[in-house]
Structures are given as C-alpha cells and as structure tokens.
Amino acid sequence: MSVTKADIAERVARSTGVTRRDALMSVETLLESIKKALEKGDKVSIVGFGTFKTKLKNSRKGRNPRTGDSIQIPDKRVAFFKPGKELRDIVNR
C-alpha cells in the first residue's frame, strides 16, 4: 500500500477540522517549501522526522548501452533524505 498526497491531506483535514481543500493547500505549501529550499541548496530539518538535503554526485565515465560508446556523465545534485532517530525507531519496531 502507498500513501498519496491526497491521503495525507485527508488525514490533515480530519485531524484539524479544516476543509479538504485547505488541507491539500497546506500539504502542497509544505512540499513546495521543501522543494524550493533544496533548489537553493538549503537543508530542511524536521525534528522527529528527518533531514532533506542535496548531495553532489561527481562526474563519471559511463557507457551508452545501445552503442557501447564511452560517455562522460556530468556532475549533478541529487535529493537525499536522512531519517531522524525517532522515525528510524518507529520503522524498526
């Protein structure tokens, strides 16, 4: 089973008493804030949950699987999530 953004918004709406539309806007605002922070290279820490940040993957040599030619793969930043201790403990119960 997976949880969608709509599922999260529904849970927020039920627990806070706001409309589903307002809850969905809140969830979208939170996610958009995290995206913008990561885009700028900032770190986002949510106590009890974890930390979002970006890491740099260095350039490397790769191979085109279709032709077998060697290619240079450029540097890139990737999003990284490190769960907090509380979340790790919950998951590992």
PDB file of N, CA and C in Angstrom:
ATOM      1  N   MET A   1       0.839  -1.182   0.000  1.00  0.00           N
ATOM      2  CA  MET A   1       0.000   0.000   0.000  1.00  0.00           C
ATOM      3  C   MET A   1       0.884   1.246   0.000  1.00  0.00           C
ATOM      4  N   SER A   2       0.436   2.273  -0.671  1.00  0.00           N
ATOM      5  CA  SER A   2       1.172   3.527  -0.668  1.00  0.00           C
ATOM      6  C   SER A   2       0.240   4.656  -0.229  1.00  0.00           C
ATOM      7  N   VAL A   3       0.846   5.705   0.269  1.00  0.00           N
ATOM      8  CA  VAL A   3       0.101   6.872   0.734  1.00  0.00           C
ATOM      9  C   VAL A   3       0.343   8.003  -0.253  1.00  0.00           C
ATOM     10  N   THR A   4      -0.730   8.616  -0.735  1.00  0.00           N
ATOM     11  CA  THR A   4      -0.616   9.710  -1.695  1.00  0.00           C
ATOM     12  C   THR A   4      -0.753  11.054  -0.991  1.00  0.00           C
ATOM     13  N   LYS A   5      -0.475  12.105  -1.743  1.00  0.00           N
ATOM     14  CA  LYS A   5      -0.634  13.454  -1.219  1.00  0.00           C
ATOM     15  C   LYS A   5      -2.082  13.702  -0.805  1.00  0.00           C
ATOM     16  N   ALA A   6      -3.018  13.180  -1.577  1.00  0.00           N
ATOM     17  CA  ALA A   6      -4.443  13.325  -1.245  1.00  0.00           C
ATOM     18  C   ALA A   6      -4.778  12.611   0.064  1.00  0.00           C
ATOM     19  N   ASP A   7      -4.166  11.438   0.299  1.00  0.00           N
ATOM     20  CA  ASP A   7      -4.375  10.713   1.559  1.00  0.00           C
ATOM     21  C   ASP A   7      -3.877  11.526   2.749  1.00  0.00           C
ATOM     22  N   ILE A   8      -2.724  12.134   2.592  1.00  0.00           N
ATOM     23  CA  ILE A   8      -2.164  12.952   3.665  1.00  0.00           C
ATOM     24  C   ILE A   8      -3.072  14.148   3.936  1.00  0.00           C
ATOM     25  N   ALA A   9      -3.538  14.793   2.870  1.00  0.00           N
ATOM     26  CA  ALA A   9      -4.434  15.941   3.022  1.00  0.00           C
ATOM     27  C   ALA A   9      -5.724  15.529   3.722  1.00  0.00           C
ATOM     28  N   GLU A  10      -6.242  14.360   3.395  1.00  0.00           N
ATOM     29  CA  GLU A  10      -7.459  13.856   4.039  1.00  0.00           C
ATOM     30  C   GLU A  10      -7.243  13.666   5.541  1.00  0.00           C
ATOM     31  N   ARG A  11      -6.098  13.128   5.913  1.00  0.00           N
ATOM     32  CA  ARG A  11      -5.792  12.934   7.335  1.00  0.00           C
ATOM     33  C   ARG A  11      -5.633  14.266   8.060  1.00  0.00           C
ATOM     34  N   VAL A  12      -5.001  15.229   7.382  1.00  0.00           N
ATOM     35  CA  VAL A  12      -4.858  16.571   7.974  1.00  0.00           C
ATOM     36  C   VAL A  12      -6.237  17.187   8.170  1.00  0.00           C
ATOM     37  N   ALA A  13      -7.093  17.065   7.183  1.00  0.00           N
ATOM     38  CA  ALA A  13      -8.446  17.640   7.270  1.00  0.00           C
ATOM     39  C   ALA A  13      -9.226  17.019   8.428  1.00  0.00           C
ATOM     40  N   ARG A  14      -9.148  15.699   8.561  1.00  0.00           N
ATOM     41  CA  ARG A  14      -9.876  15.026   9.646  1.00  0.00           C
ATOM     42  C   ARG A  14      -9.349  15.415  11.021  1.00  0.00           C
ATOM     43  N   SER A  15      -8.025  15.511  11.153  1.00  0.00           N
ATOM     44  CA  SER A  15      -7.468  15.769  12.482  1.00  0.00           C
ATOM     45  C   SER A  15      -7.543  17.238  12.898  1.00  0.00           C
ATOM     46  N   THR A  16      -7.644  18.150  11.924  1.00  0.00           N
ATOM     47  CA  THR A  16      -7.675  19.570  12.275  1.00  0.00           C
ATOM     48  C   THR A  16      -9.054  20.202  12.124  1.00  0.00           C
ATOM     49  N   GLY A  17      -9.940  19.552  11.373  1.00  0.00           N
ATOM     50  CA  GLY A  17     -11.270  20.101  11.178  1.00  0.00           C
ATOM     51  C   GLY A  17     -11.367  21.122  10.059  1.00  0.00           C
ATOM     52  N   VAL A  18     -10.302  21.288   9.275  1.00  0.00           N
ATOM     53  CA  VAL A  18     -10.371  22.207   8.133  1.00  0.00           C
ATOM     54  C   VAL A  18     -10.920  21.455   6.928  1.00  0.00           C
ATOM     55  N   THR A  19     -11.251  22.181   5.879  1.00  0.00           N
ATOM     56  CA  THR A  19     -11.772  21.536   4.673  1.00  0.00           C
ATOM     57  C   THR A  19     -10.659  20.763   3.975  1.00  0.00           C
ATOM     58  N   ARG A  20     -11.065  19.804   3.160  1.00  0.00           N
ATOM     59  CA  ARG A  20     -10.074  19.022   2.406  1.00  0.00           C
ATOM     60  C   ARG A  20      -9.253  19.916   1.489  1.00  0.00           C
ATOM     61  N   ARG A  21      -9.918  20.910   0.922  1.00  0.00           N
ATOM     62  CA  ARG A  21      -9.222  21.830   0.015  1.00  0.00           C
ATOM     63  C   ARG A  21      -8.136  22.608   0.752  1.00  0.00           C
ATOM     64  N   ASP A  22      -8.463  23.123   1.949  1.00  0.00           N
ATOM     65  CA  ASP A  22      -7.475  23.856   2.742  1.00  0.00           C
ATOM     66  C   ASP A  22      -6.340  22.933   3.193  1.00  0.00           C
ATOM     67  N   ALA A  23      -6.691  21.714   3.549  1.00  0.00           N
ATOM     68  CA  ALA A  23      -5.669  20.753   3.970  1.00  0.00           C
ATOM     69  C   ALA A  23      -4.730  20.428   2.810  1.00  0.00           C
ATOM     70  N   LEU A  24      -5.295  20.248   1.613  1.00  0.00           N
ATOM     71  CA  LEU A  24      -4.475  19.967   0.444  1.00  0.00           C
ATOM     72  C   LEU A  24      -3.557  21.140   0.134  1.00  0.00           C
ATOM     73  N   MET A  25      -4.060  22.361   0.266  1.00  0.00           N
ATOM     74  CA  MET A  25      -3.215  23.546   0.058  1.00  0.00           C
ATOM     75  C   MET A  25      -2.072  23.581   1.060  1.00  0.00           C
ATOM     76  N   SER A  26      -2.350  23.208   2.305  1.00  0.00           N
ATOM     77  CA  SER A  26      -1.309  23.187   3.332  1.00  0.00           C
ATOM     78  C   SER A  26      -0.228  22.161   3.006  1.00  0.00           C
ATOM     79  N   VAL A  27      -0.648  20.984   2.598  1.00  0.00           N
ATOM     80  CA  VAL A  27       0.307  19.932   2.242  1.00  0.00           C
ATOM     81  C   VAL A  27       1.138  20.369   1.040  1.00  0.00           C
ATOM     82  N   GLU A  28       0.496  20.934   0.030  1.00  0.00           N
ATOM     83  CA  GLU A  28       1.216  21.400  -1.152  1.00  0.00           C
ATOM     84  C   GLU A  28       2.188  22.523  -0.805  1.00  0.00           C
ATOM     85  N   THR A  29       1.796  23.416   0.095  1.00  0.00           N
ATOM     86  CA  THR A  29       2.681  24.505   0.520  1.00  0.00           C
ATOM     87  C   THR A  29       3.907  23.958   1.231  1.00  0.00           C
ATOM     88  N   LEU A  30       3.715  22.971   2.095  1.00  0.00           N
ATOM     89  CA  LEU A  30       4.837  22.342   2.788  1.00  0.00           C
ATOM     90  C   LEU A  30       5.799  21.708   1.795  1.00  0.00           C
ATOM     91  N   LEU A  31       5.263  20.924   0.872  1.00  0.00           N
ATOM     92  CA  LEU A  31       6.120  20.254  -0.102  1.00  0.00           C
ATOM     93  C   LEU A  31       6.828  21.249  -1.018  1.00  0.00           C
ATOM     94  N   GLU A  32       6.130  22.298  -1.408  1.00  0.00           N
ATOM     95  CA  GLU A  32       6.733  23.327  -2.255  1.00  0.00           C
ATOM     96  C   GLU A  32       7.863  24.047  -1.511  1.00  0.00           C
ATOM     97  N   SER A  33       7.674  24.289  -0.224  1.00  0.00           N
ATOM     98  CA  SER A  33       8.718  24.925   0.589  1.00  0.00           C
ATOM     99  C   SER A  33       9.963  24.055   0.654  1.00  0.00           C
ATOM    100  N   ILE A  34       9.775  22.753   0.807  1.00  0.00           N
ATOM    101  CA  ILE A  34      10.915  21.834   0.843  1.00  0.00           C
ATOM    102  C   ILE A  34      11.627  21.836  -0.507  1.00  0.00           C
ATOM    103  N   LYS A  35      10.863  21.793  -1.603  1.00  0.00           N
ATOM    104  CA  LYS A  35      11.463  21.801  -2.939  1.00  0.00           C
ATOM    105  C   LYS A  35      12.286  23.061  -3.183  1.00  0.00           C
ATOM    106  N   LYS A  36      11.723  24.211  -2.808  1.00  0.00           N
ATOM    107  CA  LYS A  36      12.431  25.483  -3.045  1.00  0.00           C
ATOM    108  C   LYS A  36      13.700  25.559  -2.218  1.00  0.00           C
ATOM    109  N   ALA A  37      13.660  25.081  -0.981  1.00  0.00           N
ATOM    110  CA  ALA A  37      14.851  25.091  -0.138  1.00  0.00           C
ATOM    111  C   ALA A  37      15.941  24.201  -0.739  1.00  0.00           C
ATOM    112  N   LEU A  38      15.561  23.032  -1.206  1.00  0.00           N
ATOM    113  CA  LEU A  38      16.537  22.125  -1.810  1.00  0.00           C
ATOM    114  C   LEU A  38      17.095  22.703  -3.105  1.00  0.00           C
ATOM    115  N   GLU A  39      16.241  23.377  -3.853  1.00  0.00           N
ATOM    116  CA  GLU A  39      16.684  24.010  -5.102  1.00  0.00           C
ATOM    117  C   GLU A  39      17.769  25.048  -4.825  1.00  0.00           C
ATOM    118  N   LYS A  40      17.634  25.772  -3.717  1.00  0.00           N
ATOM    119  CA  LYS A  40      18.638  26.772  -3.340  1.00  0.00           C
ATOM    120  C   LYS A  40      19.864  26.151  -2.689  1.00  0.00           C
ATOM    121  N   GLY A  41      19.796  24.860  -2.379  1.00  0.00           N
ATOM    122  CA  GLY A  41      20.925  24.202  -1.730  1.00  0.00           C
ATOM    123  C   GLY A  41      20.830  24.200  -0.217  1.00  0.00           C
ATOM    124  N   ASP A  42      19.688  24.638   0.321  1.00  0.00           N
ATOM    125  CA  ASP A  42      19.491  24.656   1.772  1.00  0.00           C
ATOM    126  C   ASP A  42      19.149  23.266   2.285  1.00  0.00           C
ATOM    127  N   LYS A  43      19.323  23.095   3.578  1.00  0.00           N
ATOM    128  CA  LYS A  43      18.977  21.846   4.246  1.00  0.00           C
ATOM    129  C   LYS A  43      17.659  22.073   4.986  1.00  0.00           C
ATOM    130  N   VAL A  44      16.772  21.076   4.974  1.00  0.00           N
ATOM    131  CA  VAL A  44      15.488  21.166   5.662  1.00  0.00           C
ATOM    132  C   VAL A  44      15.454  20.101   6.749  1.00  0.00           C
ATOM    133  N   SER A  45      15.366  20.542   8.008  1.00  0.00           N
ATOM    134  CA  SER A  45      15.325  19.609   9.135  1.00  0.00           C
ATOM    135  C   SER A  45      13.955  19.667   9.787  1.00  0.00           C
ATOM    136  N   ILE A  46      13.327  18.501   9.941  1.00  0.00           N
ATOM    137  CA  ILE A  46      12.054  18.388  10.627  1.00  0.00           C
ATOM    138  C   ILE A  46      12.303  17.483  11.832  1.00  0.00           C
ATOM    139  N   VAL A  47      12.325  18.078  13.012  1.00  0.00           N
ATOM    140  CA  VAL A  47      12.661  17.345  14.229  1.00  0.00           C
ATOM    141  C   VAL A  47      11.707  16.177  14.418  1.00  0.00           C
ATOM    142  N   GLY A  48      12.247  15.000  14.702  1.00  0.00           N
ATOM    143  CA  GLY A  48      11.457  13.803  14.903  1.00  0.00           C
ATOM    144  C   GLY A  48      11.139  13.074  13.615  1.00  0.00           C
ATOM    145  N   PHE A  49      11.433  13.688  12.480  1.00  0.00           N
ATOM    146  CA  PHE A  49      11.142  13.062  11.193  1.00  0.00           C
ATOM    147  C   PHE A  49      12.426  12.802  10.417  1.00  0.00           C
ATOM    148  N   GLY A  50      13.151  13.868  10.075  1.00  0.00           N
ATOM    149  CA  GLY A  50      14.395  13.682   9.345  1.00  0.00           C
ATOM    150  C   GLY A  50      14.864  14.952   8.676  1.00  0.00           C
ATOM    151  N   THR A  51      15.880  14.790   7.834  1.00  0.00           N
ATOM    152  CA  THR A  51      16.520  15.914   7.169  1.00  0.00           C
ATOM    153  C   THR A  51      16.564  15.681   5.667  1.00  0.00           C
ATOM    154  N   PHE A  52      16.172  16.702   4.925  1.00  0.00           N
ATOM    155  CA  PHE A  52      16.281  16.689   3.473  1.00  0.00           C
ATOM    156  C   PHE A  52      17.456  17.575   3.097  1.00  0.00           C
ATOM    157  N   LYS A  53      18.299  17.119   2.178  1.00  0.00           N
ATOM    158  CA  LYS A  53      19.388  17.951   1.677  1.00  0.00           C
ATOM    159  C   LYS A  53      19.789  17.441   0.307  1.00  0.00           C
ATOM    160  N   THR A  54      20.676  18.147  -0.339  1.00  0.00           N
ATOM    161  CA  THR A  54      21.171  17.704  -1.636  1.00  0.00           C
ATOM    162  C   THR A  54      22.615  17.275  -1.488  1.00  0.00           C
ATOM    163  N   LYS A  55      22.991  16.326  -2.308  1.00  0.00           N
ATOM    164  CA  LYS A  55      24.377  15.863  -2.354  1.00  0.00           C
ATOM    165  C   LYS A  55      24.853  15.980  -3.793  1.00  0.00           C
ATOM    166  N   LEU A  56      26.135  16.228  -3.955  1.00  0.00           N
ATOM    167  CA  LEU A  56      26.725  16.341  -5.282  1.00  0.00           C
ATOM    168  C   LEU A  56      27.253  14.981  -5.714  1.00  0.00           C
ATOM    169  N   LYS A  57      26.808  14.531  -6.879  1.00  0.00           N
ATOM    170  CA  LYS A  57      27.375  13.322  -7.483  1.00  0.00           C
ATOM    171  C   LYS A  57      28.401  13.792  -8.506  1.00  0.00           C
ATOM    172  N   ASN A  58      29.623  13.361  -8.342  1.00  0.00           N
ATOM    173  CA  ASN A  58      30.700  13.773  -9.234  1.00  0.00           C
ATOM    174  C   ASN A  58      30.498  13.211 -10.634  1.00  0.00           C
ATOM    175  N   SER A  59      31.127  13.872 -11.603  1.00  0.00           N
ATOM    176  CA  SER A  59      31.063  13.377 -12.975  1.00  0.00           C
ATOM    177  C   SER A  59      31.784  12.035 -13.033  1.00  0.00           C
ATOM    178  N   ARG A  60      31.380  11.243 -14.007  1.00  0.00           N
ATOM    179  CA  ARG A  60      31.983   9.921 -14.132  1.00  0.00           C
ATOM    180  C   ARG A  60      31.859   9.451 -15.571  1.00  0.00           C
ATOM    181  N   LYS A  61      32.624   8.417 -15.868  1.00  0.00           N
ATOM    182  CA  LYS A  61      32.526   7.822 -17.198  1.00  0.00           C
ATOM    183  C   LYS A  61      31.434   6.778 -17.177  1.00  0.00           C
ATOM    184  N   GLY A  62      30.661   6.751 -18.230  1.00  0.00           N
ATOM    185  CA  GLY A  62      29.611   5.764 -18.380  1.00  0.00           C
ATOM    186  C   GLY A  62      29.670   5.149 -19.763  1.00  0.00           C
ATOM    187  N   ARG A  63      28.723   4.290 -20.042  1.00  0.00           N
ATOM    188  CA  ARG A  63      28.690   3.627 -21.341  1.00  0.00           C
ATOM    189  C   ARG A  63      27.278   3.697 -21.894  1.00  0.00           C
ATOM    190  N   ASN A  64      27.170   4.086 -23.154  1.00  0.00           N
ATOM    191  CA  ASN A  64      25.889   4.091 -23.832  1.00  0.00           C
ATOM    192  C   ASN A  64      25.501   2.634 -24.080  1.00  0.00           C
ATOM    193  N   PRO A  65      24.397   2.159 -23.467  1.00  0.00           N
ATOM    194  CA  PRO A  65      24.057   0.742 -23.609  1.00  0.00           C
ATOM    195  C   PRO A  65      23.662   0.341 -25.034  1.00  0.00           C
ATOM    196  N   ARG A  66      23.212   1.299 -25.813  1.00  0.00           N
ATOM    197  CA  ARG A  66      22.778   0.993 -27.179  1.00  0.00           C
ATOM    198  C   ARG A  66      23.975   0.814 -28.121  1.00  0.00           C
ATOM    199  N   THR A  67      24.967   1.729 -27.992  1.00  0.00           N
ATOM    200  CA  THR A  67      26.098   1.700 -28.925  1.00  0.00           C
ATOM    201  C   THR A  67      27.370   1.141 -28.307  1.00  0.00           C
ATOM    202  N   GLY A  68      27.448   1.156 -26.973  1.00  0.00           N
ATOM    203  CA  GLY A  68      28.661   0.699 -26.306  1.00  0.00           C
ATOM    204  C   GLY A  68      29.727   1.779 -26.209  1.00  0.00           C
ATOM    205  N   ASP A  69      29.436   2.978 -26.751  1.00  0.00           N
ATOM    206  CA  ASP A  69      30.403   4.076 -26.692  1.00  0.00           C
ATOM    207  C   ASP A  69      30.563   4.570 -25.269  1.00  0.00           C
ATOM    208  N   SER A  70      31.773   5.024 -24.957  1.00  0.00           N
ATOM    209  CA  SER A  70      32.050   5.607 -23.651  1.00  0.00           C
ATOM    210  C   SER A  70      31.577   7.059 -23.653  1.00  0.00           C
ATOM    211  N   ILE A  71      30.885   7.475 -22.577  1.00  0.00           N
ATOM    212  CA  ILE A  71      30.395   8.856 -22.483  1.00  0.00           C
ATOM    213  C   ILE A  71      30.779   9.436 -21.129  1.00  0.00           C
ATOM    214  N   GLN A  72      30.818  10.748 -21.051  1.00  0.00           N
ATOM    215  CA  GLN A  72      31.096  11.439 -19.796  1.00  0.00           C
ATOM    216  C   GLN A  72      29.763  11.893 -19.201  1.00  0.00           C
ATOM    217  N   ILE A  73      29.467  11.440 -17.994  1.00  0.00           N
ATOM    218  CA  ILE A  73      28.249  11.836 -17.299  1.00  0.00           C
ATOM    219  C   ILE A  73      28.607  13.025 -16.412  1.00  0.00           C
ATOM    220  N   PRO A  74      27.932  14.172 -16.574  1.00  0.00           N
ATOM    221  CA  PRO A  74      28.313  15.381 -15.833  1.00  0.00           C
ATOM    222  C   PRO A  74      27.934  15.326 -14.349  1.00  0.00           C
ATOM    223  N   ASP A  75      28.520  16.264 -13.572  1.00  0.00           N
ATOM    224  CA  ASP A  75      28.146  16.426 -12.161  1.00  0.00           C
ATOM    225  C   ASP A  75      26.655  16.688 -12.065  1.00  0.00           C
ATOM    226  N   LYS A  76      26.045  16.253 -10.960  1.00  0.00           N
ATOM    227  CA  LYS A  76      24.653  16.619 -10.719  1.00  0.00           C
ATOM    228  C   LYS A  76      24.375  16.554  -9.227  1.00  0.00           C
ATOM    229  N   ARG A  77      23.363  17.321  -8.823  1.00  0.00           N
ATOM    230  CA  ARG A  77      22.915  17.292  -7.429  1.00  0.00           C
ATOM    231  C   ARG A  77      21.719  16.362  -7.337  1.00  0.00           C
ATOM    232  N   VAL A  78      21.681  15.577  -6.262  1.00  0.00           N
ATOM    233  CA  VAL A  78      20.551  14.674  -6.041  1.00  0.00           C
ATOM    234  C   VAL A  78      19.956  14.953  -4.670  1.00  0.00           C
ATOM    235  N   ALA A  79      18.648  14.811  -4.561  1.00  0.00           N
ATOM    236  CA  ALA A  79      17.971  14.998  -3.280  1.00  0.00           C
ATOM    237  C   ALA A  79      18.256  13.781  -2.409  1.00  0.00           C
ATOM    238  N   PHE A  80      18.448  14.028  -1.118  1.00  0.00           N
ATOM    239  CA  PHE A  80      18.798  12.980  -0.169  1.00  0.00           C
ATOM    240  C   PHE A  80      17.975  13.187   1.093  1.00  0.00           C
ATOM    241  N   PHE A  81      17.447  12.107   1.648  1.00  0.00           N
ATOM    242  CA  PHE A  81      16.686  12.172   2.895  1.00  0.00           C
ATOM    243  C   PHE A  81      17.359  11.284   3.918  1.00  0.00           C
ATOM    244  N   LYS A  82      17.612  11.848   5.085  1.00  0.00           N
ATOM    245  CA  LYS A  82      18.172  11.072   6.188  1.00  0.00           C
ATOM    246  C   LYS A  82      17.130  11.052   7.298  1.00  0.00           C
ATOM    247  N   PRO A  83      16.574   9.871   7.596  1.00  0.00           N
ATOM    248  CA  PRO A  83      15.548   9.807   8.645  1.00  0.00           C
ATOM    249  C   PRO A  83      16.139  10.118  10.013  1.00  0.00           C
ATOM    250  N   GLY A  84      15.319  10.749  10.863  1.00  0.00           N
ATOM    251  CA  GLY A  84      15.720  11.042  12.223  1.00  0.00           C
ATOM    252  C   GLY A  84      15.622   9.788  13.085  1.00  0.00           C
ATOM    253  N   LYS A  85      16.195   9.851  14.269  1.00  0.00           N
ATOM    254  CA  LYS A  85      16.217   8.696  15.167  1.00  0.00           C
ATOM    255  C   LYS A  85      14.804   8.205  15.496  1.00  0.00           C
ATOM    256  N   GLU A  86      13.897   9.123  15.781  1.00  0.00           N
ATOM    257  CA  GLU A  86      12.528   8.738  16.131  1.00  0.00           C
ATOM    258  C   GLU A  86      11.860   7.967  14.984  1.00  0.00           C
ATOM    259  N   LEU A  87      12.025   8.431  13.758  1.00  0.00           N
ATOM    260  CA  LEU A  87      11.447   7.754  12.601  1.00  0.00           C
ATOM    261  C   LEU A  87      12.102   6.395  12.393  1.00  0.00           C
ATOM    262  N   ARG A  88      13.425   6.313  12.517  1.00  0.00           N
ATOM    263  CA  ARG A  88      14.113   5.029  12.394  1.00  0.00           C
ATOM    264  C   ARG A  88      13.607   4.027  13.420  1.00  0.00           C
ATOM    265  N   ASP A  89      13.396   4.488  14.666  1.00  0.00           N
ATOM    266  CA  ASP A  89      12.902   3.599  15.727  1.00  0.00           C
ATOM    267  C   ASP A  89      11.497   3.084  15.417  1.00  0.00           C
ATOM    268  N   ILE A  90      10.639   3.972  14.896  1.00  0.00           N
ATOM    269  CA  ILE A  90       9.268   3.571  14.551  1.00  0.00           C
ATOM    270  C   ILE A  90       9.284   2.539  13.436  1.00  0.00           C
ATOM    271  N   VAL A  91      10.100   2.766  12.420  1.00  0.00           N
ATOM    272  CA  VAL A  91      10.163   1.863  11.270  1.00  0.00           C
ATOM    273  C   VAL A  91      10.723   0.506  11.677  1.00  0.00           C
ATOM    274  N   ASN A  92      11.642   0.483  12.610  1.00  0.00           N
ATOM    275  CA  ASN A  92      12.306  -0.761  13.006  1.00  0.00           C
ATOM    276  C   ASN A  92      11.663  -1.482  14.176  1.00  0.00           C
ATOM    277  N   ARG A  93      10.483  -1.084  14.592  1.00  0.00           N
ATOM    278  CA  ARG A  93       9.800  -1.805  15.662  1.00  0.00           C
ATOM    279  C   ARG A  93       9.386  -3.177  15.242  1.00  0.00           C
TER     280      ARG A  93
END
